[in-house]
Each structure stands twice: as structure tokens, then as C-alpha cells.
Amino acid sequence: MRRRDVIKLVGRVVVMWPCAARAQPYAPAVIGFLTSRAPGADAHLLAAFREGLQTMGYDEGRNVAIEYRFAENQYDRLPALAAELVRRQVTVMVANGIAVPAAKAATATIPIVFTTGGDPVPRVTARRRSTSTTPGCRAAPT
């Protein structure tokens, strides 16, 4: 390598060093998945959830992490599991219908997305102008 090439290389490193130092390390989004069911109970729904994420460009393990919490039909465990996800500082929490009140009680800042087959209004306080972090989706029969 010639002296001129070495000087160019050192100059480029010196110029680029501040840019590299300011770069934030990449941290994937973390989804907290809270359900009242057992791990294998709704495998088809979990598969559909992952497929929906992939359709939106999110691949588990690549650019999104999912923290799963299963209450295994022991509803008294839901508040503790929701609190775990809050301590984990998840980006968003996904909950099934029965787990929504526990998730809502655990945080006022983390958005909670839920699905339910019933009326979501009793689960989440309806307001004229919503300031809630709890958007929901009702599964309508076909």
C-alpha cells in the first residue's frame, strides 16, 4: 500500500468516526403476548398472528421479538404476567379478551391491542373522546 493510500484511509476513518459513534444500536420492537390460555391451546391463532406480522414486514427473531405469557386458564395469574410484560418494557401488548382487564390495570402507557368475540365496551371504559391506549378488534361471526 502506498503512503498516499494510507493517508486517504486514515482521513476517511477520521471523518466517519463521529458518524459511527452517534449511531444508535438497533433494538427490535418487543411485543408482549398475554393470554389466559395454555401454550398449545390456540396454536392456529398464534400461527395466524405470526403470519399477520410477517405480512406487515415483521419477522420474529429478525426485527421483532415476542415475549409470550400464558396463564394456562389460571386467571388469577394474569395480573402478575401483565406486570412482568410491563417490567420488560414491551413496545405493545397483545391480549385476549379475558386478559385485557389485567393488562389495562398493569399499564397506562403501553398500548394494548386485543381481540374479543364479545362486546369490548364492558372491558374498556368508553369515552366520548378516547385517550385510552387500548384499541380493540371484535371478531364478528361470519
N, C-alpha and C. Protein backbone atom coordinates (compact mmCIF):
# COMPACT_ATOMS: atom_id res chain seq x y z
N MET A 1 0.86 -1.17 0.00
CA MET A 1 0.00 0.00 0.00
C MET A 1 0.90 1.23 0.00
N ARG A 2 0.56 2.18 -0.84
CA ARG A 2 1.36 3.39 -0.91
C ARG A 2 0.99 4.35 0.21
N ARG A 3 1.92 5.27 0.46
CA ARG A 3 1.73 6.25 1.52
C ARG A 3 0.46 7.07 1.28
N ARG A 4 0.20 7.45 0.06
CA ARG A 4 -0.98 8.24 -0.29
C ARG A 4 -2.27 7.48 0.05
N ASP A 5 -2.30 6.18 -0.22
CA ASP A 5 -3.48 5.36 0.10
C ASP A 5 -3.72 5.28 1.61
N VAL A 6 -2.64 5.17 2.37
CA VAL A 6 -2.76 5.10 3.82
C VAL A 6 -3.32 6.41 4.36
N ILE A 7 -2.83 7.54 3.83
CA ILE A 7 -3.32 8.84 4.28
C ILE A 7 -4.80 9.00 3.94
N LYS A 8 -5.24 8.56 2.77
CA LYS A 8 -6.65 8.63 2.40
C LYS A 8 -7.50 7.78 3.35
N LEU A 9 -7.01 6.58 3.65
CA LEU A 9 -7.74 5.69 4.53
C LEU A 9 -7.88 6.29 5.93
N VAL A 10 -6.81 6.82 6.47
CA VAL A 10 -6.85 7.44 7.80
C VAL A 10 -7.79 8.65 7.78
N GLY A 11 -7.76 9.43 6.71
CA GLY A 11 -8.65 10.59 6.59
C GLY A 11 -10.11 10.18 6.57
N ARG A 12 -10.43 9.12 5.87
CA ARG A 12 -11.82 8.64 5.82
C ARG A 12 -12.28 8.14 7.19
N VAL A 13 -11.40 7.43 7.88
CA VAL A 13 -11.75 6.92 9.20
C VAL A 13 -12.00 8.08 10.16
N VAL A 14 -11.15 9.10 10.11
CA VAL A 14 -11.31 10.26 10.99
C VAL A 14 -12.61 10.99 10.69
N VAL A 15 -12.96 11.13 9.43
CA VAL A 15 -14.19 11.82 9.06
C VAL A 15 -15.42 11.00 9.45
N MET A 16 -15.36 9.69 9.28
CA MET A 16 -16.52 8.84 9.54
C MET A 16 -16.67 8.47 11.02
N TRP A 17 -15.65 8.59 11.82
CA TRP A 17 -15.70 8.18 13.21
C TRP A 17 -16.84 8.82 13.99
N PRO A 18 -17.05 10.14 13.90
CA PRO A 18 -18.17 10.74 14.65
C PRO A 18 -19.52 10.19 14.22
N CYS A 19 -19.70 9.88 12.94
CA CYS A 19 -20.97 9.32 12.47
C CYS A 19 -21.22 7.94 13.09
N ALA A 20 -20.18 7.14 13.13
CA ALA A 20 -20.32 5.80 13.70
C ALA A 20 -20.55 5.86 15.20
N ALA A 21 -19.94 6.83 15.87
CA ALA A 21 -20.09 6.95 17.31
C ALA A 21 -21.51 7.38 17.69
N ARG A 22 -22.17 8.17 16.85
CA ARG A 22 -23.53 8.64 17.15
C ARG A 22 -24.60 7.64 16.80
N ALA A 23 -24.30 6.64 16.03
CA ALA A 23 -25.31 5.68 15.59
C ALA A 23 -25.86 4.91 16.78
N GLN A 24 -27.18 4.79 16.84
CA GLN A 24 -27.84 4.06 17.90
C GLN A 24 -27.81 2.57 17.57
N PRO A 25 -27.56 1.73 18.56
CA PRO A 25 -27.63 0.29 18.28
C PRO A 25 -29.08 -0.10 17.98
N TYR A 26 -29.25 -1.01 17.05
CA TYR A 26 -30.60 -1.43 16.65
C TYR A 26 -31.19 -2.34 17.72
N ALA A 27 -32.35 -2.00 18.17
CA ALA A 27 -33.09 -2.83 19.12
C ALA A 27 -34.45 -3.13 18.51
N PRO A 28 -34.76 -4.39 18.27
CA PRO A 28 -36.05 -4.71 17.66
C PRO A 28 -37.20 -4.39 18.60
N ALA A 29 -38.36 -4.14 18.02
CA ALA A 29 -39.57 -3.91 18.81
C ALA A 29 -39.88 -5.19 19.59
N VAL A 30 -40.47 -5.03 20.76
CA VAL A 30 -40.83 -6.17 21.58
C VAL A 30 -42.34 -6.17 21.79
N ILE A 31 -42.98 -7.25 21.39
CA ILE A 31 -44.42 -7.41 21.56
C ILE A 31 -44.65 -8.33 22.75
N GLY A 32 -45.46 -7.88 23.68
CA GLY A 32 -45.85 -8.72 24.81
C GLY A 32 -47.16 -9.41 24.47
N PHE A 33 -47.18 -10.72 24.48
CA PHE A 33 -48.36 -11.50 24.12
C PHE A 33 -48.91 -12.14 25.40
N LEU A 34 -50.05 -11.66 25.87
CA LEU A 34 -50.65 -12.12 27.12
C LEU A 34 -51.95 -12.85 26.81
N THR A 35 -52.04 -14.08 27.26
CA THR A 35 -53.24 -14.85 27.02
C THR A 35 -53.60 -15.67 28.26
N SER A 36 -54.87 -15.92 28.41
CA SER A 36 -55.35 -16.72 29.53
C SER A 36 -55.20 -18.21 29.25
N ARG A 37 -54.93 -18.57 28.03
CA ARG A 37 -54.90 -19.97 27.61
C ARG A 37 -53.54 -20.62 27.86
N ALA A 38 -53.47 -21.93 27.60
CA ALA A 38 -52.24 -22.70 27.71
C ALA A 38 -51.45 -22.55 26.40
N PRO A 39 -50.15 -22.80 26.43
CA PRO A 39 -49.32 -22.60 25.23
C PRO A 39 -49.80 -23.30 23.96
N GLY A 40 -50.28 -24.53 24.04
CA GLY A 40 -50.68 -25.24 22.83
C GLY A 40 -52.16 -25.12 22.49
N ALA A 41 -52.92 -24.43 23.32
CA ALA A 41 -54.37 -24.40 23.16
C ALA A 41 -54.82 -23.72 21.88
N ASP A 42 -54.19 -22.65 21.50
CA ASP A 42 -54.59 -21.89 20.31
C ASP A 42 -53.45 -21.76 19.32
N ALA A 43 -52.84 -22.89 18.99
CA ALA A 43 -51.68 -22.86 18.09
C ALA A 43 -52.04 -22.24 16.74
N HIS A 44 -53.24 -22.50 16.24
CA HIS A 44 -53.65 -21.94 14.95
C HIS A 44 -53.78 -20.41 15.01
N LEU A 45 -54.21 -19.90 16.18
CA LEU A 45 -54.32 -18.44 16.32
C LEU A 45 -52.94 -17.78 16.42
N LEU A 46 -52.03 -18.44 17.13
CA LEU A 46 -50.66 -17.92 17.19
C LEU A 46 -50.01 -17.94 15.82
N ALA A 47 -50.26 -18.99 15.06
CA ALA A 47 -49.71 -19.07 13.70
C ALA A 47 -50.27 -17.95 12.83
N ALA A 48 -51.56 -17.67 12.97
CA ALA A 48 -52.17 -16.57 12.21
C ALA A 48 -51.61 -15.22 12.64
N PHE A 49 -51.35 -15.06 13.94
CA PHE A 49 -50.76 -13.83 14.46
C PHE A 49 -49.38 -13.61 13.85
N ARG A 50 -48.55 -14.65 13.87
CA ARG A 50 -47.20 -14.54 13.29
C ARG A 50 -47.27 -14.27 11.78
N GLU A 51 -48.21 -14.92 11.11
CA GLU A 51 -48.37 -14.71 9.67
C GLU A 51 -48.77 -13.26 9.38
N GLY A 52 -49.66 -12.72 10.19
CA GLY A 52 -50.06 -11.32 10.04
C GLY A 52 -48.88 -10.37 10.24
N LEU A 53 -48.04 -10.68 11.23
CA LEU A 53 -46.85 -9.86 11.44
C LEU A 53 -45.91 -9.93 10.23
N GLN A 54 -45.73 -11.14 9.69
CA GLN A 54 -44.87 -11.30 8.52
C GLN A 54 -45.42 -10.54 7.32
N THR A 55 -46.73 -10.53 7.17
CA THR A 55 -47.35 -9.78 6.09
C THR A 55 -47.04 -8.29 6.20
N MET A 56 -46.95 -7.81 7.44
CA MET A 56 -46.65 -6.41 7.69
C MET A 56 -45.15 -6.12 7.69
N GLY A 57 -44.32 -7.15 7.44
CA GLY A 57 -42.88 -6.95 7.37
C GLY A 57 -42.13 -7.22 8.66
N TYR A 58 -42.79 -7.83 9.65
CA TYR A 58 -42.14 -8.13 10.92
C TYR A 58 -41.88 -9.62 11.02
N ASP A 59 -40.62 -9.98 11.17
CA ASP A 59 -40.24 -11.39 11.30
C ASP A 59 -39.71 -11.63 12.70
N GLU A 60 -40.34 -12.55 13.40
CA GLU A 60 -39.94 -12.86 14.77
C GLU A 60 -38.48 -13.32 14.78
N GLY A 61 -37.70 -12.70 15.63
CA GLY A 61 -36.29 -13.04 15.72
C GLY A 61 -35.39 -12.18 14.85
N ARG A 62 -35.97 -11.51 13.84
CA ARG A 62 -35.17 -10.65 12.97
C ARG A 62 -35.39 -9.18 13.32
N ASN A 63 -36.60 -8.69 13.20
CA ASN A 63 -36.85 -7.27 13.51
C ASN A 63 -37.96 -7.07 14.53
N VAL A 64 -38.40 -8.15 15.14
CA VAL A 64 -39.36 -8.06 16.24
C VAL A 64 -39.15 -9.25 17.18
N ALA A 65 -39.28 -8.99 18.46
CA ALA A 65 -39.22 -10.06 19.46
C ALA A 65 -40.59 -10.16 20.10
N ILE A 66 -40.99 -11.37 20.44
CA ILE A 66 -42.29 -11.58 21.08
C ILE A 66 -42.06 -12.27 22.41
N GLU A 67 -42.55 -11.64 23.47
CA GLU A 67 -42.50 -12.21 24.82
C GLU A 67 -43.86 -12.83 25.09
N TYR A 68 -43.92 -14.14 25.23
CA TYR A 68 -45.18 -14.85 25.46
C TYR A 68 -45.40 -15.07 26.95
N ARG A 69 -46.64 -14.83 27.40
CA ARG A 69 -47.04 -15.13 28.77
C ARG A 69 -48.38 -15.86 28.71
N PHE A 70 -48.41 -17.09 29.22
CA PHE A 70 -49.60 -17.93 29.20
C PHE A 70 -50.07 -18.17 30.63
N ALA A 71 -51.32 -17.85 30.93
CA ALA A 71 -51.87 -18.06 32.28
C ALA A 71 -52.34 -19.50 32.49
N GLU A 72 -52.45 -20.27 31.44
CA GLU A 72 -52.87 -21.67 31.48
C GLU A 72 -54.20 -21.85 32.22
N ASN A 73 -55.16 -20.99 31.87
CA ASN A 73 -56.51 -20.98 32.42
C ASN A 73 -56.56 -20.71 33.92
N GLN A 74 -55.51 -20.16 34.47
CA GLN A 74 -55.48 -19.74 35.88
C GLN A 74 -55.55 -18.21 35.86
N TYR A 75 -56.76 -17.69 35.86
CA TYR A 75 -56.99 -16.27 35.64
C TYR A 75 -56.36 -15.39 36.72
N ASP A 76 -56.16 -15.93 37.91
CA ASP A 76 -55.53 -15.15 38.97
C ASP A 76 -54.06 -14.86 38.67
N ARG A 77 -53.47 -15.55 37.72
CA ARG A 77 -52.07 -15.31 37.32
C ARG A 77 -51.93 -14.14 36.35
N LEU A 78 -53.03 -13.71 35.74
CA LEU A 78 -52.96 -12.67 34.70
C LEU A 78 -52.35 -11.36 35.18
N PRO A 79 -52.72 -10.82 36.35
CA PRO A 79 -52.10 -9.55 36.78
C PRO A 79 -50.58 -9.64 36.92
N ALA A 80 -50.08 -10.75 37.47
CA ALA A 80 -48.63 -10.91 37.62
C ALA A 80 -47.94 -11.03 36.26
N LEU A 81 -48.56 -11.75 35.34
CA LEU A 81 -47.98 -11.90 34.00
C LEU A 81 -47.98 -10.57 33.25
N ALA A 82 -49.04 -9.80 33.39
CA ALA A 82 -49.10 -8.48 32.76
C ALA A 82 -48.03 -7.56 33.36
N ALA A 83 -47.84 -7.64 34.68
CA ALA A 83 -46.81 -6.83 35.33
C ALA A 83 -45.42 -7.20 34.83
N GLU A 84 -45.19 -8.49 34.57
CA GLU A 84 -43.90 -8.94 34.01
C GLU A 84 -43.65 -8.27 32.66
N LEU A 85 -44.67 -8.24 31.82
CA LEU A 85 -44.50 -7.62 30.50
C LEU A 85 -44.24 -6.12 30.61
N VAL A 86 -44.86 -5.48 31.58
CA VAL A 86 -44.62 -4.04 31.79
C VAL A 86 -43.18 -3.83 32.25
N ARG A 87 -42.70 -4.66 33.17
CA ARG A 87 -41.30 -4.56 33.62
C ARG A 87 -40.33 -4.82 32.48
N ARG A 88 -40.72 -5.67 31.57
CA ARG A 88 -39.89 -5.99 30.39
C ARG A 88 -39.85 -4.82 29.41
N GLN A 89 -40.73 -3.84 29.62
CA GLN A 89 -40.85 -2.64 28.79
C GLN A 89 -41.12 -2.99 27.33
N VAL A 90 -42.18 -3.78 27.13
CA VAL A 90 -42.57 -4.15 25.78
C VAL A 90 -43.06 -2.90 25.04
N THR A 91 -42.97 -2.93 23.73
CA THR A 91 -43.41 -1.82 22.89
C THR A 91 -44.93 -1.76 22.82
N VAL A 92 -45.56 -2.92 22.71
CA VAL A 92 -47.01 -3.03 22.63
C VAL A 92 -47.40 -4.35 23.27
N MET A 93 -48.60 -4.40 23.85
CA MET A 93 -49.08 -5.62 24.46
C MET A 93 -50.30 -6.12 23.69
N VAL A 94 -50.31 -7.42 23.40
CA VAL A 94 -51.45 -8.06 22.74
C VAL A 94 -52.09 -8.97 23.77
N ALA A 95 -53.41 -8.86 23.95
CA ALA A 95 -54.11 -9.65 24.97
C ALA A 95 -55.40 -10.23 24.41
N ASN A 96 -55.77 -11.42 24.93
CA ASN A 96 -57.07 -11.95 24.55
C ASN A 96 -58.11 -11.36 25.48
N GLY A 97 -59.39 -11.56 25.19
CA GLY A 97 -60.48 -10.89 25.89
C GLY A 97 -60.42 -10.94 27.41
N ILE A 98 -60.16 -12.10 27.99
CA ILE A 98 -60.15 -12.25 29.44
C ILE A 98 -58.93 -11.57 30.05
N ALA A 99 -57.83 -11.48 29.32
CA ALA A 99 -56.59 -10.90 29.84
C ALA A 99 -56.56 -9.37 29.75
N VAL A 100 -57.50 -8.77 29.04
CA VAL A 100 -57.50 -7.32 28.83
C VAL A 100 -57.57 -6.53 30.14
N PRO A 101 -58.48 -6.83 31.08
CA PRO A 101 -58.51 -6.03 32.31
C PRO A 101 -57.19 -6.06 33.08
N ALA A 102 -56.52 -7.21 33.12
CA ALA A 102 -55.23 -7.30 33.81
C ALA A 102 -54.18 -6.46 33.10
N ALA A 103 -54.17 -6.50 31.78
CA ALA A 103 -53.22 -5.69 31.01
C ALA A 103 -53.49 -4.21 31.21
N LYS A 104 -54.76 -3.83 31.18
CA LYS A 104 -55.15 -2.43 31.36
C LYS A 104 -54.78 -1.93 32.74
N ALA A 105 -54.93 -2.78 33.76
CA ALA A 105 -54.59 -2.38 35.13
C ALA A 105 -53.08 -2.26 35.33
N ALA A 106 -52.30 -2.99 34.53
CA ALA A 106 -50.86 -3.02 34.71
C ALA A 106 -50.15 -1.79 34.13
N THR A 107 -50.76 -1.13 33.14
CA THR A 107 -50.08 -0.01 32.49
C THR A 107 -51.07 1.02 31.98
N ALA A 108 -50.61 2.25 31.97
CA ALA A 108 -51.39 3.33 31.36
C ALA A 108 -50.63 3.92 30.19
N THR A 109 -49.44 3.40 29.91
CA THR A 109 -48.60 3.99 28.85
C THR A 109 -48.34 3.04 27.68
N ILE A 110 -48.33 1.76 27.91
CA ILE A 110 -48.07 0.80 26.83
C ILE A 110 -49.37 0.53 26.09
N PRO A 111 -49.38 0.68 24.77
CA PRO A 111 -50.60 0.37 24.01
C PRO A 111 -50.96 -1.11 24.14
N ILE A 112 -52.25 -1.37 24.27
CA ILE A 112 -52.76 -2.74 24.39
C ILE A 112 -53.71 -2.99 23.24
N VAL A 113 -53.40 -3.99 22.45
CA VAL A 113 -54.25 -4.39 21.34
C VAL A 113 -54.91 -5.70 21.75
N PHE A 114 -56.22 -5.80 21.53
CA PHE A 114 -56.89 -7.02 21.95
C PHE A 114 -57.93 -7.44 20.94
N THR A 115 -58.30 -8.71 21.02
CA THR A 115 -59.42 -9.24 20.24
C THR A 115 -60.40 -9.85 21.23
N THR A 116 -61.64 -9.80 20.86
CA THR A 116 -62.67 -10.41 21.69
C THR A 116 -63.85 -10.81 20.82
N GLY A 117 -64.53 -11.85 21.21
CA GLY A 117 -65.72 -12.26 20.50
C GLY A 117 -66.96 -11.58 21.02
N GLY A 118 -66.84 -10.93 22.18
CA GLY A 118 -67.98 -10.27 22.80
C GLY A 118 -67.90 -8.76 22.64
N ASP A 119 -68.69 -8.07 23.44
CA ASP A 119 -68.73 -6.62 23.41
C ASP A 119 -67.54 -6.07 24.20
N PRO A 120 -66.65 -5.29 23.57
CA PRO A 120 -65.47 -4.80 24.27
C PRO A 120 -65.74 -3.65 25.23
N VAL A 121 -66.90 -3.01 25.15
CA VAL A 121 -67.16 -1.82 25.98
C VAL A 121 -67.10 -2.14 27.47
N PRO A 122 -67.66 -3.25 27.97
CA PRO A 122 -67.53 -3.51 29.41
C PRO A 122 -66.08 -3.69 29.85
N ARG A 123 -65.21 -4.13 28.96
CA ARG A 123 -63.82 -4.38 29.31
C ARG A 123 -63.01 -3.09 29.37
N VAL A 124 -63.33 -2.15 28.53
CA VAL A 124 -62.59 -0.90 28.45
C VAL A 124 -63.58 0.23 28.58
N THR A 125 -63.30 1.16 29.43
CA THR A 125 -64.22 2.28 29.65
C THR A 125 -64.37 3.08 28.37
N ALA A 126 -65.59 3.23 27.91
CA ALA A 126 -65.85 4.01 26.70
C ALA A 126 -65.87 5.49 27.07
N ARG A 127 -65.28 6.31 26.25
CA ARG A 127 -65.26 7.75 26.49
C ARG A 127 -65.67 8.46 25.21
N ARG A 128 -66.23 9.64 25.39
CA ARG A 128 -66.63 10.41 24.22
C ARG A 128 -65.42 10.73 23.37
N ARG A 129 -64.34 11.17 23.99
CA ARG A 129 -63.08 11.43 23.30
C ARG A 129 -62.05 10.53 23.96
N SER A 130 -61.70 9.46 23.29
CA SER A 130 -60.85 8.45 23.89
C SER A 130 -59.41 8.93 24.05
N THR A 131 -58.88 8.73 25.23
CA THR A 131 -57.46 8.95 25.48
C THR A 131 -56.83 7.62 25.89
N SER A 132 -57.53 6.55 25.63
CA SER A 132 -57.11 5.22 26.02
C SER A 132 -55.97 4.71 25.15
N THR A 133 -55.19 3.81 25.70
CA THR A 133 -54.14 3.13 24.94
C THR A 133 -54.60 1.74 24.55
N THR A 134 -55.91 1.50 24.49
CA THR A 134 -56.44 0.18 24.27
C THR A 134 -57.33 0.08 23.04
N PRO A 135 -56.75 0.03 21.84
CA PRO A 135 -57.59 -0.20 20.67
C PRO A 135 -57.97 -1.67 20.61
N GLY A 136 -59.16 -1.97 20.15
CA GLY A 136 -59.59 -3.37 20.12
C GLY A 136 -60.15 -3.76 18.78
N CYS A 137 -60.36 -5.03 18.64
CA CYS A 137 -60.92 -5.59 17.41
C CYS A 137 -61.91 -6.66 17.83
N ARG A 138 -63.16 -6.53 17.37
CA ARG A 138 -64.19 -7.50 17.71
C ARG A 138 -64.29 -8.52 16.60
N ALA A 139 -64.25 -9.78 16.96
CA ALA A 139 -64.37 -10.86 16.00
C ALA A 139 -65.85 -11.09 15.74
N ALA A 140 -66.34 -10.71 14.59
CA ALA A 140 -67.74 -10.88 14.24
C ALA A 140 -67.96 -12.23 13.59
N PRO A 141 -69.06 -12.90 13.93
CA PRO A 141 -69.33 -14.21 13.31
C PRO A 141 -69.65 -14.03 11.82
N THR A 142 -69.24 -15.00 11.05
CA THR A 142 -69.50 -14.94 9.60
C THR A 142 -70.59 -15.87 9.18
